[in-house]
Structure formats: C-alpha cells, structure tokens
Amino acid sequence: MHNVEKLDHVAFAVKDKELAAAFLTRVLGAREVMDMEWGGFRFTSFLLGSGSMLELVYSSDPDNFVNRFIARRGEGLHHLTFKVSDLEATVEHLRAQGLNPFDINTSNPLWKECYLHPREALGTLIQFAEFPEEEWIKIWERNQMGTK
C-alpha cells in the first residue's frame, strides 16, 4: 500500500486525563497542543520531540467506547493512526488483502477514517485517516494562541 504517508499518532485510553497528561509532560517532555470533543469523547494531542504525536482518549460517559475498552482491557494503548493520502484507495487495498475495514467514514473532508480490528492487525486497533494536515496545524495554532 503506497498511500500510507506516516504513523501519525499513538493513542492511549485513560480514565484520568490530568494524571496521564502529567506523565506525558513531566516524564516525556511532551507539549499539549489540542484538547477537543469529538463524537461523544474527548481527545488531547501532545507533541513529543521532533514531531511525534501522542493522544489521550477519555470520556466521562461510562457507556462510551473508551470506558468500555478500559473495562475490558485496562488503560493503555488504544490504537495506532496511519495518515493516508487516499482513504478510498486504502479501503480497496485492505479489502483486496482479505481484510475487513470497518467504521468507514468519509463524510468530513477534514477527517476521513476507517479501522482494522485488532484480530486482523497484530492485536492492535489500527486507524487509517485521510486529512489535510495543514488544516489541523491551523487548528493547533489557533488553540495555542487562544488557550495556552
């Protein structure tokens, strides 16, 4: 698959965002760049070193997928996100490999995504996302000016 551009971020499911954020900032030296709600949960993105991104996903709703995940598996690695240049081509490629991408969503031009189940992806949930990185950088910059 030639349209994978990079490993975009590693996401961790957590119960306590502040406790997890303290670890990322104090221990690893990461810098929080964005915190926002998305589809019933929150995520906070952190920049680490020369451009690595880490993400915390969390929710106050006990029935949210994040908390169901934590109840089954505990806090920790939730998913890996790979940036792709063409999500539809990615879905076709995955299917041609006998895989079953799910939760395919192309309705938002700023974030098109699909997933591979851990049983098909080395035991880890894999997210593929097509997005204009320059637009997300603008969002991060606005966030920095407004709240940091």
N, C-alpha and C. Protein backbone atom coordinates (compact mmCIF):
# COMPACT_ATOMS: atom_id res chain seq x y z
N MET A 1 0.86 -1.17 0.00
CA MET A 1 0.00 0.00 0.00
C MET A 1 0.91 1.23 0.00
N HIS A 2 0.87 1.95 -1.07
CA HIS A 2 1.79 3.07 -1.24
C HIS A 2 1.22 4.40 -0.79
N ASN A 3 -0.02 4.42 -0.31
CA ASN A 3 -0.56 5.71 0.11
C ASN A 3 -0.49 5.95 1.61
N VAL A 4 0.20 5.08 2.38
CA VAL A 4 0.46 5.36 3.79
C VAL A 4 1.60 6.37 3.83
N GLU A 5 1.32 7.53 4.41
CA GLU A 5 2.31 8.59 4.47
C GLU A 5 3.17 8.52 5.72
N LYS A 6 2.54 8.16 6.85
CA LYS A 6 3.31 8.11 8.09
C LYS A 6 2.44 7.53 9.21
N LEU A 7 3.11 7.12 10.28
CA LEU A 7 2.42 6.84 11.53
C LEU A 7 2.13 8.21 12.13
N ASP A 8 0.87 8.57 12.21
CA ASP A 8 0.51 9.91 12.66
C ASP A 8 0.55 10.04 14.17
N HIS A 9 -0.09 9.08 14.88
CA HIS A 9 -0.07 9.17 16.33
C HIS A 9 -0.38 7.84 16.99
N VAL A 10 -0.01 7.76 18.25
CA VAL A 10 -0.30 6.62 19.10
C VAL A 10 -1.28 7.12 20.15
N ALA A 11 -2.41 6.41 20.31
CA ALA A 11 -3.46 6.85 21.23
C ALA A 11 -3.58 5.91 22.42
N PHE A 12 -3.77 6.51 23.58
CA PHE A 12 -3.94 5.77 24.83
C PHE A 12 -5.31 6.07 25.42
N ALA A 13 -6.03 5.04 25.82
CA ALA A 13 -7.30 5.20 26.53
C ALA A 13 -6.99 5.38 28.01
N VAL A 14 -7.53 6.44 28.60
CA VAL A 14 -7.24 6.75 30.01
C VAL A 14 -8.51 7.13 30.75
N LYS A 15 -8.49 6.89 32.05
CA LYS A 15 -9.59 7.31 32.92
C LYS A 15 -9.42 8.76 33.34
N ASP A 16 -8.21 9.12 33.69
CA ASP A 16 -7.91 10.44 34.26
C ASP A 16 -6.98 11.20 33.33
N LYS A 17 -7.54 12.11 32.56
CA LYS A 17 -6.74 12.85 31.58
C LYS A 17 -5.62 13.63 32.25
N GLU A 18 -5.89 14.25 33.39
CA GLU A 18 -4.88 15.08 34.04
C GLU A 18 -3.69 14.25 34.51
N LEU A 19 -3.96 13.11 35.07
CA LEU A 19 -2.89 12.22 35.54
C LEU A 19 -2.04 11.74 34.36
N ALA A 20 -2.71 11.32 33.29
CA ALA A 20 -1.99 10.85 32.10
C ALA A 20 -1.22 11.99 31.45
N ALA A 21 -1.83 13.17 31.37
CA ALA A 21 -1.15 14.33 30.77
C ALA A 21 0.09 14.70 31.58
N ALA A 22 0.00 14.59 32.90
CA ALA A 22 1.16 14.90 33.74
C ALA A 22 2.31 13.96 33.42
N PHE A 23 2.01 12.69 33.20
CA PHE A 23 3.07 11.74 32.82
C PHE A 23 3.71 12.15 31.50
N LEU A 24 2.88 12.42 30.50
CA LEU A 24 3.42 12.77 29.18
C LEU A 24 4.25 14.05 29.23
N THR A 25 3.80 15.03 30.00
CA THR A 25 4.53 16.31 30.02
C THR A 25 5.74 16.27 30.93
N ARG A 26 5.57 15.74 32.15
CA ARG A 26 6.68 15.76 33.11
C ARG A 26 7.73 14.70 32.84
N VAL A 27 7.29 13.52 32.47
CA VAL A 27 8.24 12.42 32.28
C VAL A 27 8.83 12.44 30.88
N LEU A 28 7.97 12.62 29.86
CA LEU A 28 8.44 12.54 28.48
C LEU A 28 8.75 13.90 27.86
N GLY A 29 8.31 14.97 28.49
CA GLY A 29 8.57 16.30 27.93
C GLY A 29 7.65 16.67 26.80
N ALA A 30 6.52 16.00 26.68
CA ALA A 30 5.55 16.30 25.61
C ALA A 30 4.86 17.63 25.90
N ARG A 31 4.33 18.24 24.85
CA ARG A 31 3.64 19.52 24.96
C ARG A 31 2.22 19.35 24.43
N GLU A 32 1.23 19.70 25.26
CA GLU A 32 -0.16 19.60 24.84
C GLU A 32 -0.43 20.63 23.75
N VAL A 33 -1.04 20.19 22.66
CA VAL A 33 -1.31 21.09 21.55
C VAL A 33 -2.79 21.22 21.23
N MET A 34 -3.61 20.28 21.69
CA MET A 34 -5.03 20.38 21.39
C MET A 34 -5.82 19.49 22.34
N ASP A 35 -6.99 19.99 22.73
CA ASP A 35 -7.93 19.19 23.50
C ASP A 35 -9.30 19.52 22.96
N MET A 36 -10.01 18.50 22.47
CA MET A 36 -11.33 18.78 21.93
C MET A 36 -12.26 17.58 22.05
N GLU A 37 -13.55 17.86 21.96
CA GLU A 37 -14.56 16.81 21.96
C GLU A 37 -14.78 16.37 20.53
N TRP A 38 -15.05 15.06 20.39
CA TRP A 38 -15.29 14.51 19.06
C TRP A 38 -16.19 13.29 19.22
N GLY A 39 -17.41 13.38 18.81
CA GLY A 39 -18.30 12.23 18.78
C GLY A 39 -18.53 11.56 20.13
N GLY A 40 -18.70 12.34 21.19
CA GLY A 40 -19.03 11.77 22.48
C GLY A 40 -17.85 11.41 23.36
N PHE A 41 -16.65 11.72 22.94
CA PHE A 41 -15.47 11.52 23.78
C PHE A 41 -14.56 12.71 23.59
N ARG A 42 -13.53 12.79 24.38
CA ARG A 42 -12.54 13.85 24.23
C ARG A 42 -11.20 13.25 23.85
N PHE A 43 -10.42 14.02 23.14
CA PHE A 43 -9.04 13.61 22.89
C PHE A 43 -8.14 14.81 23.10
N THR A 44 -6.96 14.51 23.60
CA THR A 44 -5.95 15.53 23.79
C THR A 44 -4.70 15.07 23.05
N SER A 45 -4.17 15.94 22.21
CA SER A 45 -2.98 15.62 21.42
C SER A 45 -1.76 16.28 22.04
N PHE A 46 -0.65 15.56 22.00
CA PHE A 46 0.62 16.02 22.54
C PHE A 46 1.70 15.88 21.49
N LEU A 47 2.54 16.89 21.39
CA LEU A 47 3.70 16.87 20.50
C LEU A 47 4.90 16.46 21.34
N LEU A 48 5.67 15.53 20.81
CA LEU A 48 6.82 15.00 21.52
C LEU A 48 8.04 15.10 20.62
N GLY A 49 9.10 15.68 21.13
CA GLY A 49 10.37 15.73 20.40
C GLY A 49 10.24 16.42 19.06
N SER A 50 10.75 15.77 18.02
CA SER A 50 10.83 16.39 16.70
C SER A 50 9.57 16.21 15.87
N GLY A 51 8.48 15.80 16.47
CA GLY A 51 7.24 15.72 15.71
C GLY A 51 6.39 14.50 15.99
N SER A 52 6.78 13.65 16.92
CA SER A 52 5.95 12.51 17.27
C SER A 52 4.70 13.00 17.98
N MET A 53 3.57 12.38 17.69
CA MET A 53 2.31 12.76 18.31
C MET A 53 1.80 11.62 19.18
N LEU A 54 1.33 11.98 20.37
CA LEU A 54 0.68 11.06 21.28
C LEU A 54 -0.72 11.62 21.54
N GLU A 55 -1.66 10.73 21.82
CA GLU A 55 -3.03 11.18 22.03
C GLU A 55 -3.62 10.45 23.24
N LEU A 56 -4.37 11.18 24.03
CA LEU A 56 -5.14 10.59 25.12
C LEU A 56 -6.60 10.64 24.71
N VAL A 57 -7.31 9.52 24.84
CA VAL A 57 -8.75 9.49 24.59
C VAL A 57 -9.42 9.16 25.91
N TYR A 58 -10.51 9.87 26.22
CA TYR A 58 -11.17 9.69 27.51
C TYR A 58 -12.60 10.20 27.42
N SER A 59 -13.42 9.77 28.37
CA SER A 59 -14.82 10.18 28.38
C SER A 59 -15.37 10.08 29.80
N SER A 60 -16.26 10.99 30.14
CA SER A 60 -16.94 10.92 31.43
C SER A 60 -18.17 10.01 31.37
N ASP A 61 -18.58 9.62 30.17
CA ASP A 61 -19.74 8.75 29.98
C ASP A 61 -19.31 7.29 30.18
N PRO A 62 -19.85 6.60 31.19
CA PRO A 62 -19.43 5.22 31.45
C PRO A 62 -19.76 4.26 30.31
N ASP A 63 -20.72 4.63 29.44
CA ASP A 63 -21.10 3.76 28.33
C ASP A 63 -20.34 4.07 27.04
N ASN A 64 -19.47 5.07 27.09
CA ASN A 64 -18.70 5.43 25.90
C ASN A 64 -17.71 4.32 25.55
N PHE A 65 -17.36 4.20 24.27
CA PHE A 65 -16.44 3.15 23.82
C PHE A 65 -15.12 3.18 24.58
N VAL A 66 -14.66 4.36 24.96
CA VAL A 66 -13.38 4.46 25.67
C VAL A 66 -13.47 3.72 26.99
N ASN A 67 -14.53 3.97 27.74
CA ASN A 67 -14.67 3.33 29.05
C ASN A 67 -15.01 1.85 28.94
N ARG A 68 -15.71 1.47 27.89
CA ARG A 68 -15.94 0.03 27.66
C ARG A 68 -14.60 -0.66 27.36
N PHE A 69 -13.76 -0.01 26.59
CA PHE A 69 -12.43 -0.54 26.29
C PHE A 69 -11.63 -0.70 27.58
N ILE A 70 -11.61 0.34 28.41
CA ILE A 70 -10.85 0.30 29.67
C ILE A 70 -11.40 -0.80 30.58
N ALA A 71 -12.71 -0.96 30.63
CA ALA A 71 -13.30 -2.00 31.47
C ALA A 71 -12.86 -3.40 31.04
N ARG A 72 -12.70 -3.61 29.73
CA ARG A 72 -12.29 -4.92 29.21
C ARG A 72 -10.78 -5.13 29.25
N ARG A 73 -10.01 -4.09 28.93
CA ARG A 73 -8.57 -4.28 28.73
C ARG A 73 -7.68 -3.45 29.64
N GLY A 74 -8.29 -2.52 30.37
CA GLY A 74 -7.50 -1.63 31.21
C GLY A 74 -7.01 -0.43 30.42
N GLU A 75 -6.47 0.53 31.12
CA GLU A 75 -5.91 1.71 30.46
C GLU A 75 -4.69 1.31 29.65
N GLY A 76 -4.42 2.05 28.62
CA GLY A 76 -3.21 1.80 27.84
C GLY A 76 -3.44 2.03 26.36
N LEU A 77 -2.58 1.42 25.57
CA LEU A 77 -2.63 1.59 24.12
C LEU A 77 -4.02 1.28 23.60
N HIS A 78 -4.59 2.24 22.88
CA HIS A 78 -5.91 2.04 22.29
C HIS A 78 -5.81 1.81 20.79
N HIS A 79 -5.07 2.67 20.08
CA HIS A 79 -4.94 2.49 18.63
C HIS A 79 -3.71 3.21 18.10
N LEU A 80 -3.34 2.81 16.89
CA LEU A 80 -2.32 3.49 16.09
C LEU A 80 -3.03 4.13 14.91
N THR A 81 -2.67 5.35 14.57
CA THR A 81 -3.28 6.01 13.42
C THR A 81 -2.24 6.26 12.35
N PHE A 82 -2.53 5.76 11.16
CA PHE A 82 -1.68 5.98 10.00
C PHE A 82 -2.34 7.00 9.08
N LYS A 83 -1.60 8.03 8.70
CA LYS A 83 -2.09 9.02 7.75
C LYS A 83 -1.95 8.44 6.35
N VAL A 84 -3.03 8.53 5.58
CA VAL A 84 -3.01 8.03 4.20
C VAL A 84 -3.39 9.15 3.25
N SER A 85 -2.96 9.04 2.01
CA SER A 85 -3.26 10.06 1.03
C SER A 85 -4.63 9.89 0.40
N ASP A 86 -5.19 8.69 0.45
CA ASP A 86 -6.48 8.42 -0.19
C ASP A 86 -7.18 7.31 0.57
N LEU A 87 -8.16 7.68 1.37
CA LEU A 87 -8.83 6.67 2.20
C LEU A 87 -9.57 5.64 1.36
N GLU A 88 -10.24 6.06 0.31
CA GLU A 88 -10.98 5.10 -0.51
C GLU A 88 -10.04 4.06 -1.12
N ALA A 89 -8.89 4.48 -1.59
CA ALA A 89 -7.90 3.54 -2.13
C ALA A 89 -7.39 2.62 -1.02
N THR A 90 -7.25 3.16 0.19
CA THR A 90 -6.81 2.35 1.33
C THR A 90 -7.83 1.26 1.62
N VAL A 91 -9.11 1.63 1.65
CA VAL A 91 -10.17 0.65 1.90
C VAL A 91 -10.15 -0.44 0.83
N GLU A 92 -10.02 -0.06 -0.43
CA GLU A 92 -9.95 -1.04 -1.52
C GLU A 92 -8.76 -1.97 -1.34
N HIS A 93 -7.62 -1.40 -0.99
CA HIS A 93 -6.41 -2.20 -0.79
C HIS A 93 -6.59 -3.19 0.35
N LEU A 94 -7.13 -2.72 1.46
CA LEU A 94 -7.33 -3.60 2.62
C LEU A 94 -8.27 -4.75 2.26
N ARG A 95 -9.35 -4.44 1.57
CA ARG A 95 -10.29 -5.49 1.15
C ARG A 95 -9.63 -6.47 0.19
N ALA A 96 -8.79 -5.96 -0.70
CA ALA A 96 -8.08 -6.84 -1.65
C ALA A 96 -7.13 -7.79 -0.93
N GLN A 97 -6.70 -7.39 0.28
CA GLN A 97 -5.84 -8.24 1.10
C GLN A 97 -6.64 -9.20 1.97
N GLY A 98 -7.95 -9.24 1.78
CA GLY A 98 -8.81 -10.12 2.56
C GLY A 98 -9.15 -9.59 3.93
N LEU A 99 -8.92 -8.30 4.17
CA LEU A 99 -9.20 -7.69 5.46
C LEU A 99 -10.57 -7.01 5.43
N ASN A 100 -11.06 -6.66 6.60
CA ASN A 100 -12.40 -6.11 6.72
C ASN A 100 -12.40 -4.75 7.42
N PRO A 101 -12.06 -3.69 6.71
CA PRO A 101 -12.12 -2.37 7.34
C PRO A 101 -13.54 -2.07 7.80
N PHE A 102 -13.65 -1.36 8.95
CA PHE A 102 -14.97 -1.04 9.46
C PHE A 102 -15.01 0.41 9.91
N ASP A 103 -16.21 0.87 10.28
CA ASP A 103 -16.44 2.27 10.65
C ASP A 103 -15.81 3.21 9.62
N ILE A 104 -16.09 2.92 8.37
CA ILE A 104 -15.59 3.76 7.27
C ILE A 104 -16.42 5.04 7.25
N ASN A 105 -15.76 6.18 7.37
CA ASN A 105 -16.47 7.45 7.40
C ASN A 105 -15.71 8.45 6.52
N THR A 106 -16.36 8.87 5.45
CA THR A 106 -15.76 9.85 4.54
C THR A 106 -16.58 11.14 4.48
N SER A 107 -17.45 11.35 5.46
CA SER A 107 -18.36 12.49 5.41
C SER A 107 -17.71 13.83 5.78
N ASN A 108 -16.58 13.79 6.49
CA ASN A 108 -15.93 15.03 6.93
C ASN A 108 -14.64 15.21 6.12
N PRO A 109 -14.57 16.25 5.29
CA PRO A 109 -13.36 16.43 4.48
C PRO A 109 -12.09 16.69 5.29
N LEU A 110 -12.25 17.09 6.56
CA LEU A 110 -11.08 17.32 7.41
C LEU A 110 -10.62 16.05 8.11
N TRP A 111 -11.44 14.98 8.06
CA TRP A 111 -11.03 13.73 8.73
C TRP A 111 -11.85 12.57 8.18
N LYS A 112 -11.27 11.83 7.24
CA LYS A 112 -11.87 10.61 6.71
C LYS A 112 -11.14 9.45 7.35
N GLU A 113 -11.89 8.41 7.78
CA GLU A 113 -11.24 7.35 8.54
C GLU A 113 -11.88 5.99 8.33
N CYS A 114 -11.09 4.97 8.67
CA CYS A 114 -11.58 3.61 8.79
C CYS A 114 -10.67 2.89 9.77
N TYR A 115 -11.09 1.70 10.17
CA TYR A 115 -10.34 0.94 11.17
C TYR A 115 -10.15 -0.50 10.72
N LEU A 116 -9.13 -1.13 11.27
CA LEU A 116 -8.95 -2.58 11.21
C LEU A 116 -9.03 -3.11 12.63
N HIS A 117 -9.76 -4.18 12.80
CA HIS A 117 -9.93 -4.80 14.12
C HIS A 117 -8.60 -5.41 14.57
N PRO A 118 -8.34 -5.41 15.87
CA PRO A 118 -7.09 -6.00 16.38
C PRO A 118 -6.85 -7.45 15.93
N ARG A 119 -7.89 -8.22 15.75
CA ARG A 119 -7.69 -9.62 15.34
C ARG A 119 -7.12 -9.72 13.91
N GLU A 120 -7.23 -8.63 13.15
CA GLU A 120 -6.67 -8.60 11.80
C GLU A 120 -5.40 -7.75 11.70
N ALA A 121 -4.98 -7.16 12.81
CA ALA A 121 -3.90 -6.18 12.74
C ALA A 121 -2.93 -6.32 13.91
N LEU A 122 -2.33 -7.48 14.05
CA LEU A 122 -1.28 -7.70 15.03
C LEU A 122 -1.71 -7.41 16.46
N GLY A 123 -3.01 -7.58 16.75
CA GLY A 123 -3.51 -7.41 18.10
C GLY A 123 -3.75 -5.97 18.51
N THR A 124 -3.68 -5.04 17.57
CA THR A 124 -3.86 -3.62 17.88
C THR A 124 -4.88 -3.00 16.94
N LEU A 125 -5.78 -2.18 17.47
CA LEU A 125 -6.70 -1.44 16.63
C LEU A 125 -5.90 -0.47 15.77
N ILE A 126 -6.14 -0.52 14.47
CA ILE A 126 -5.45 0.36 13.53
C ILE A 126 -6.47 1.30 12.90
N GLN A 127 -6.16 2.58 12.94
CA GLN A 127 -6.98 3.59 12.28
C GLN A 127 -6.19 4.11 11.08
N PHE A 128 -6.89 4.25 9.96
CA PHE A 128 -6.32 4.90 8.78
C PHE A 128 -7.11 6.19 8.60
N ALA A 129 -6.41 7.31 8.39
CA ALA A 129 -7.10 8.59 8.27
C ALA A 129 -6.49 9.40 7.13
N GLU A 130 -7.39 9.99 6.36
CA GLU A 130 -7.00 10.95 5.33
C GLU A 130 -7.43 12.32 5.83
N PHE A 131 -6.49 13.23 5.90
CA PHE A 131 -6.81 14.57 6.39
C PHE A 131 -5.80 15.57 5.86
N PRO A 132 -6.23 16.81 5.66
CA PRO A 132 -5.29 17.86 5.24
C PRO A 132 -4.53 18.35 6.47
N GLU A 133 -3.31 17.90 6.59
CA GLU A 133 -2.52 18.21 7.79
C GLU A 133 -2.41 19.71 8.02
N GLU A 134 -2.32 20.49 6.95
CA GLU A 134 -2.18 21.93 7.11
C GLU A 134 -3.39 22.54 7.83
N GLU A 135 -4.58 21.98 7.63
CA GLU A 135 -5.76 22.49 8.32
C GLU A 135 -5.71 22.18 9.81
N TRP A 136 -5.24 20.98 10.17
CA TRP A 136 -5.11 20.63 11.58
C TRP A 136 -4.02 21.46 12.24
N ILE A 137 -2.97 21.80 11.51
CA ILE A 137 -1.93 22.67 12.06
C ILE A 137 -2.52 24.04 12.37
N LYS A 138 -3.38 24.54 11.50
CA LYS A 138 -4.04 25.83 11.76
C LYS A 138 -4.90 25.75 13.02
N ILE A 139 -5.63 24.65 13.19
CA ILE A 139 -6.44 24.47 14.39
C ILE A 139 -5.55 24.47 15.62
N TRP A 140 -4.43 23.75 15.55
CA TRP A 140 -3.49 23.70 16.68
C TRP A 140 -2.96 25.09 16.99
N GLU A 141 -2.59 25.84 15.94
CA GLU A 141 -2.05 27.18 16.15
C GLU A 141 -3.08 28.10 16.78
N ARG A 142 -4.33 28.03 16.32
CA ARG A 142 -5.39 28.85 16.92
C ARG A 142 -5.58 28.46 18.39
N ASN A 143 -5.51 27.16 18.67
CA ASN A 143 -5.65 26.68 20.04
C ASN A 143 -4.51 27.23 20.92
N GLN A 144 -3.31 27.25 20.39
CA GLN A 144 -2.15 27.76 21.14
C GLN A 144 -2.33 29.23 21.46
N MET A 145 -2.82 30.01 20.51
CA MET A 145 -3.00 31.44 20.73
C MET A 145 -4.14 31.72 21.70
N GLY A 146 -5.19 30.89 21.66
CA GLY A 146 -6.37 31.15 22.46
C GLY A 146 -6.33 30.64 23.88
N THR A 147 -5.66 29.50 24.12
CA THR A 147 -5.79 28.91 25.45
C THR A 147 -4.46 28.56 26.11
N LYS A 148 -3.38 28.65 25.43
CA LYS A 148 -2.10 28.24 26.02
C LYS A 148 -1.22 29.43 26.26
